[in-house]
Protein backbone atom coordinates (compact mmCIF):
# COMPACT_ATOMS: atom_id res chain seq x y z
CA MET A 1 117.35 64.64 108.71
CA VAL A 2 119.59 67.51 109.25
CA HIS A 3 119.08 68.51 105.55
CA GLY A 4 115.33 67.72 106.12
CA LEU A 5 115.57 70.52 108.61
CA TYR A 6 117.68 72.96 106.88
CA GLN A 7 115.59 72.09 103.59
CA GLY A 8 112.19 72.74 105.47
CA VAL A 9 113.82 76.31 106.82
CA PHE A 10 114.33 77.59 102.98
CA ASN A 11 111.02 76.74 102.61
CA GLY A 12 109.30 78.02 105.58
CA LEU A 13 111.15 81.87 104.88
CA ALA A 14 110.32 81.62 100.96
CA SER A 15 106.80 81.07 102.13
CA GLY A 16 106.96 83.37 105.36
CA LEU A 17 108.51 86.33 103.13
CA ILE A 18 105.22 85.99 101.03
CA TYR A 19 103.46 86.05 103.95
CA ILE A 20 104.49 89.30 105.45
CA LEU A 21 104.18 91.26 101.82
CA VAL A 22 100.06 90.14 102.49
CA ALA A 23 100.29 90.76 106.32
CA LEU A 24 102.23 94.48 105.72
CA GLY A 25 99.24 95.52 102.98
CA LEU A 26 96.58 94.56 105.70
CA THR A 27 98.53 96.09 108.65
CA LEU A 28 98.79 99.66 106.77
CA LEU A 29 95.10 99.37 105.32
CA PHE A 30 93.90 98.78 109.22
CA SER A 31 96.14 101.52 110.79
CA ILE A 32 95.21 104.44 108.37
CA LEU A 33 91.94 103.67 107.16
CA GLY A 34 90.74 101.54 110.26
CA ILE A 35 89.24 98.40 108.25
CA LEU A 36 90.17 94.86 108.15
CA ASN A 37 89.43 94.36 104.02
CA PHE A 38 88.23 91.09 103.33
CA ALA A 39 89.34 91.41 99.69
CA HIS A 40 92.52 91.42 100.28
CA GLY A 41 93.28 87.89 99.32
CA GLU A 42 90.94 88.62 95.95
CA ILE A 43 93.44 91.35 95.06
CA TYR A 44 96.12 89.01 95.57
CA MET A 45 94.68 86.81 93.10
CA LEU A 46 93.92 89.15 90.74
CA GLY A 47 97.65 90.26 90.79
CA ALA A 48 98.54 86.49 90.05
CA TYR A 49 96.20 86.36 87.33
CA VAL A 50 97.43 90.11 85.68
CA VAL A 51 101.07 88.14 86.35
CA TYR A 52 100.10 85.11 84.42
CA TYR A 53 98.34 86.99 81.67
CA ALA A 54 101.40 89.41 81.15
CA CYS A 55 103.65 86.37 80.88
CA VAL A 56 101.64 83.88 79.12
CA GLY A 57 99.58 86.25 76.63
CA ALA A 58 101.61 88.92 75.83
CA HIS A 59 104.65 87.55 76.67
CA ILE A 60 106.21 90.25 78.46
CA ASN A 61 109.08 89.61 80.88
CA PHE A 62 108.20 88.02 84.50
CA PHE A 63 109.46 90.87 86.03
CA TRP A 64 107.75 93.61 84.59
CA SER A 65 104.70 91.44 84.27
CA LEU A 66 104.95 91.42 88.17
CA LEU A 67 105.20 95.19 88.13
CA LEU A 68 102.51 95.78 85.59
CA SER A 69 100.51 93.77 88.15
CA ALA A 70 101.58 95.95 91.07
CA PHE A 71 100.43 99.03 89.28
CA ALA A 72 97.39 97.67 88.10
CA LEU A 73 95.90 96.86 91.08
CA GLY A 74 97.41 99.80 92.73
CA ILE A 75 95.26 102.03 90.76
CA VAL A 76 92.46 99.43 91.70
CA GLY A 77 93.02 99.87 95.64
CA ILE A 78 92.84 103.72 95.11
CA LEU A 79 89.66 103.89 93.09
CA LEU A 80 88.79 101.23 96.07
CA GLU A 81 89.49 103.62 98.78
CA ARG A 82 88.24 107.03 97.01
CA PHE A 83 84.69 105.61 95.73
CA MET A 84 84.07 102.51 97.84
CA PHE A 85 85.65 102.92 101.43
CA ARG A 86 86.27 106.53 102.07
CA PRO A 87 82.27 107.13 102.45
CA ILE A 88 81.84 104.63 104.94
CA ARG A 89 85.46 105.18 106.87
CA GLY A 90 84.78 104.82 110.31
CA ASP A 91 81.58 103.25 110.35
CA LEU A 92 82.17 99.46 111.17
CA GLU A 93 79.23 98.10 109.87
CA PRO A 94 78.96 98.83 106.44
CA ALA A 95 82.89 98.60 105.76
CA VAL A 96 82.36 94.91 106.71
CA LEU A 97 79.73 94.55 105.00
CA ALA A 98 81.00 96.98 101.57
CA CYS A 99 84.30 94.11 102.18
CA ILE A 100 82.20 91.37 102.42
CA GLY A 101 80.35 92.50 99.23
CA LEU A 102 83.67 92.94 97.26
CA THR A 103 84.50 89.69 98.38
CA VAL A 104 81.89 87.93 96.49
CA LEU A 105 82.20 89.87 93.56
CA LEU A 106 85.85 89.39 92.75
CA GLN A 107 85.77 85.72 93.22
CA THR A 108 82.28 85.63 90.97
CA VAL A 109 84.02 88.29 88.07
CA ALA A 110 87.37 85.57 88.41
CA VAL A 111 85.26 82.19 87.86
CA ILE A 112 83.42 83.72 84.89
CA ALA A 113 86.37 85.12 83.49
CA PHE A 114 89.31 83.22 84.22
CA GLY A 115 87.66 79.87 84.34
CA THR A 116 88.17 77.13 87.04
CA TYR A 117 90.76 75.22 85.56
CA LEU A 118 93.88 75.62 87.08
CA LYS A 119 96.97 77.82 85.27
CA TYR A 120 100.30 78.18 85.92
CA ILE A 121 102.76 80.81 85.94
CA PRO A 122 106.08 80.02 83.53
CA SER A 123 109.48 79.02 86.06
CA ILE A 124 111.14 82.20 86.35
CA PHE A 125 114.45 80.43 86.94
CA PRO A 126 114.39 76.78 86.38
CA GLY A 127 117.01 74.56 87.89
CA ILE A 128 118.06 73.21 91.03
CA LEU A 129 121.08 75.08 92.88
CA LYS A 130 123.15 72.39 95.55
CA LEU A 131 124.52 73.14 98.04
CA GLY A 132 125.92 70.81 100.53
CA GLY A 133 123.31 68.12 100.74
CA LEU A 134 121.02 70.88 99.97
CA ARG A 135 118.48 71.47 97.02
CA LEU A 136 117.54 74.77 96.50
CA SER A 137 115.01 75.74 94.06
CA LYS A 138 116.47 78.50 92.04
CA ASP A 139 112.74 79.84 91.30
CA ARG A 140 111.84 80.08 95.27
CA LEU A 141 115.60 81.43 95.68
CA LEU A 142 114.54 84.43 93.22
CA VAL A 143 110.78 84.99 94.61
CA MET A 144 112.66 85.34 98.63
CA GLY A 145 115.22 88.08 96.66
CA ILE A 146 112.21 89.83 95.15
CA ALA A 147 110.21 89.70 98.35
CA LEU A 148 112.87 90.87 100.09
CA VAL A 149 113.36 93.57 98.39
CA PHE A 150 109.88 95.06 98.51
CA THR A 151 109.51 94.41 102.26
CA THR A 152 112.49 96.30 102.79
CA ALA A 153 111.60 99.17 100.39
CA LEU A 154 108.21 99.88 102.25
CA LEU A 155 109.87 99.81 105.74
CA LEU A 156 112.31 102.24 104.33
CA VAL A 157 109.37 104.27 103.03
CA ILE A 158 107.29 104.04 106.09
CA ASN A 159 110.20 105.14 108.25
CA LYS A 160 112.07 107.36 106.24
CA THR A 161 110.00 109.73 104.42
CA LYS A 162 107.88 112.42 104.19
CA ILE A 163 105.16 110.14 103.23
CA GLY A 164 105.84 107.11 105.73
CA LYS A 165 106.11 109.53 108.41
CA ALA A 166 102.60 110.93 107.68
CA MET A 167 101.47 107.23 107.23
CA LEU A 168 102.34 106.99 110.97
CA ALA A 169 101.40 109.90 111.97
CA ILE A 170 97.53 109.16 111.13
CA SER A 171 97.53 105.96 112.53
CA HIS A 172 98.13 107.64 115.66
CA ASP A 173 95.95 110.11 115.42
CA ALA A 174 94.10 111.07 111.87
CA ASP A 175 92.26 114.45 113.26
CA ALA A 176 95.71 115.29 114.85
CA ALA A 177 97.37 114.78 111.63
CA ALA A 178 94.85 116.59 109.75
CA LEU A 179 95.06 119.84 112.35
CA GLN A 180 99.32 119.29 111.15
CA GLY A 181 98.15 120.02 107.69
CA ILE A 182 98.29 116.28 106.52
CA ASN A 183 95.75 115.76 103.66
CA VAL A 184 94.27 112.26 105.22
CA ASN A 185 92.08 111.92 102.36
CA ARG A 186 95.28 111.77 99.74
CA ILE A 187 97.67 109.51 102.18
CA SER A 188 94.44 106.88 103.12
CA ALA A 189 94.01 106.51 98.94
CA LEU A 190 97.57 106.26 98.91
CA THR A 191 98.01 103.84 101.47
CA MET A 192 95.40 101.37 99.71
CA GLY A 193 97.09 101.55 96.63
CA ILE A 194 100.63 100.58 98.27
CA GLY A 195 98.57 97.38 100.29
CA CYS A 196 96.41 96.64 97.10
CA ALA A 197 100.45 96.60 94.92
CA LEU A 198 102.08 94.41 97.74
CA ALA A 199 98.71 92.21 97.79
CA ALA A 200 99.60 91.83 93.88
CA ILE A 201 103.24 91.38 94.09
CA ALA A 202 102.57 88.23 96.84
CA GLY A 203 100.14 87.24 94.49
CA GLY A 204 102.01 87.24 91.54
CA LEU A 205 105.39 85.43 93.42
CA MET A 206 103.07 82.70 94.83
CA GLY A 207 101.95 82.52 91.65
CA SER A 208 105.20 81.11 90.08
CA LEU A 209 105.65 78.66 93.05
CA LEU A 210 102.05 77.00 93.16
CA GLN A 211 98.99 77.03 90.18
CA LEU A 212 96.49 79.97 90.16
CA ALA A 213 92.66 79.58 91.15
CA PRO A 214 90.17 81.61 91.62
CA TYR A 215 89.66 80.83 95.19
CA MET A 216 93.58 81.01 95.91
CA GLY A 217 93.22 84.36 97.76
CA THR A 218 91.17 82.50 100.66
CA PHE A 219 94.17 80.73 101.52
CA ALA A 220 96.04 83.86 101.31
CA MET A 221 93.80 85.77 103.37
CA THR A 222 93.90 83.80 106.23
CA LYS A 223 97.57 83.74 106.51
CA GLY A 224 97.55 87.43 106.21
CA ILE A 225 95.08 87.12 109.33
CA ALA A 226 97.01 85.25 111.28
CA VAL A 227 100.47 86.82 111.00
CA ILE A 228 98.63 90.65 111.80
CA ILE A 229 97.09 88.57 115.20
CA LEU A 230 100.40 86.75 115.77
CA GLY A 231 102.62 89.98 115.39
CA GLY A 232 100.07 92.32 116.89
CA ILE A 233 97.08 94.02 114.74
CA GLY A 234 98.44 97.40 113.33
CA SER A 235 102.23 96.91 113.88
CA VAL A 236 104.64 97.07 111.07
CA PRO A 237 107.47 95.06 112.60
CA GLY A 238 104.78 92.99 114.48
CA ALA A 239 103.78 91.68 110.65
CA VAL A 240 107.25 91.15 109.60
CA ILE A 241 108.04 88.81 113.49
CA GLY A 242 104.97 87.38 112.22
CA GLY A 243 105.39 86.66 108.62
CA PHE A 244 108.75 84.85 109.59
CA ILE A 245 107.40 82.46 112.34
CA LEU A 246 104.62 81.85 110.66
CA GLY A 247 106.49 80.52 107.52
CA LEU A 248 108.73 78.61 109.73
CA VAL A 249 106.41 76.71 111.14
CA ASP A 250 104.64 75.95 107.67
CA GLY A 251 108.01 75.04 106.36
CA LEU A 252 109.44 72.72 109.16
CA ALA A 253 106.12 70.93 111.07
CA PRO A 254 105.63 69.06 107.44
CA LEU A 255 108.75 66.94 108.22
CA PHE A 256 107.36 66.12 111.55
CA THR A 257 103.75 65.20 110.64
CA SER A 258 100.76 65.37 108.31
CA GLY A 259 99.64 68.27 106.11
CA THR A 260 96.46 68.81 108.24
CA MET A 261 98.50 68.49 111.74
CA ALA A 262 101.22 70.95 110.51
CA ALA A 263 98.06 73.09 110.40
CA ILE A 264 96.88 72.69 113.29
CA ILE A 265 100.28 73.28 114.53
CA GLY A 266 100.90 76.32 112.95
CA PHE A 267 97.54 78.00 114.41
CA SER A 268 98.38 76.14 118.17
CA VAL A 269 101.73 78.26 117.77
CA ILE A 270 99.58 81.17 117.42
CA VAL A 271 97.33 80.39 120.61
CA LEU A 272 100.49 79.54 122.94
CA ILE A 273 101.92 83.17 121.92
CA LEU A 274 98.37 85.14 122.36
CA LEU A 275 98.23 83.31 126.03
CA ILE A 276 101.42 84.57 127.08
CA LYS A 277 100.99 88.19 124.56
CA PRO A 278 97.10 89.03 124.41
CA LYS A 279 97.98 91.90 121.94
CA GLY A 280 100.56 89.70 119.92
CA LEU A 281 104.15 90.35 119.64
CA LEU A 282 104.58 93.87 118.89
CA GLY A 283 100.99 94.67 119.71
CA HIS A 284 99.89 98.12 121.20
CA ASP A 285 96.80 99.36 122.73
């Protein structure tokens, strides 16, 4: 039983790190652009397919495929901000409709382009690492390491660079930031690009562990929203903490109950925390 708990923690941490990548992108977009991009899950899905076709079709190394996916979807994000979201910035209803329309469009394109058959990214680092009574998948260990690197890199960019400080300034007060000489449009486009790149990386990493399907983004979007609500909408540290909590719950709950009940437990934990902290763990006004 003890080994099972450790195994659950390991699996939960792996999932949690990927949830964090998705949630960080959502959090950045909400903080700076003021929109909750419902199509973020479809960017995640497209990122996974780019990695798949780069690895399987072009025989490119997985790590280069992951960077290619991040770059390609980052460019898509910049274009979306410039031509779709910038003209409707600050207008809630058009933004929501645009996000829903984009979600349907990308899902439809994915079904036509990729088909509905499940696809699999070849194993990155096959094998099992035995540690005491634990059996740790080398693939999962590698995925955890990559996700941790990108999460840490983003946190350093936000807290230690001029671009990150500009992002924080805009998230607090865009008008005041503009008066200080910050180019709000440029930072907004860059933020959208980074958010989409993170989603693409998360999709590629999760795709290396599970199967790919045109509607896989729905699961990612559900988890991403749950994480940012749990951590506090708009809080980057909250997204990190929320991701780890939800990942651990997802990793441990199946040890004690069925898959359906495990999902219910995960959302029950969120409800209980919100009853105590209505704005989330690190939420602010």
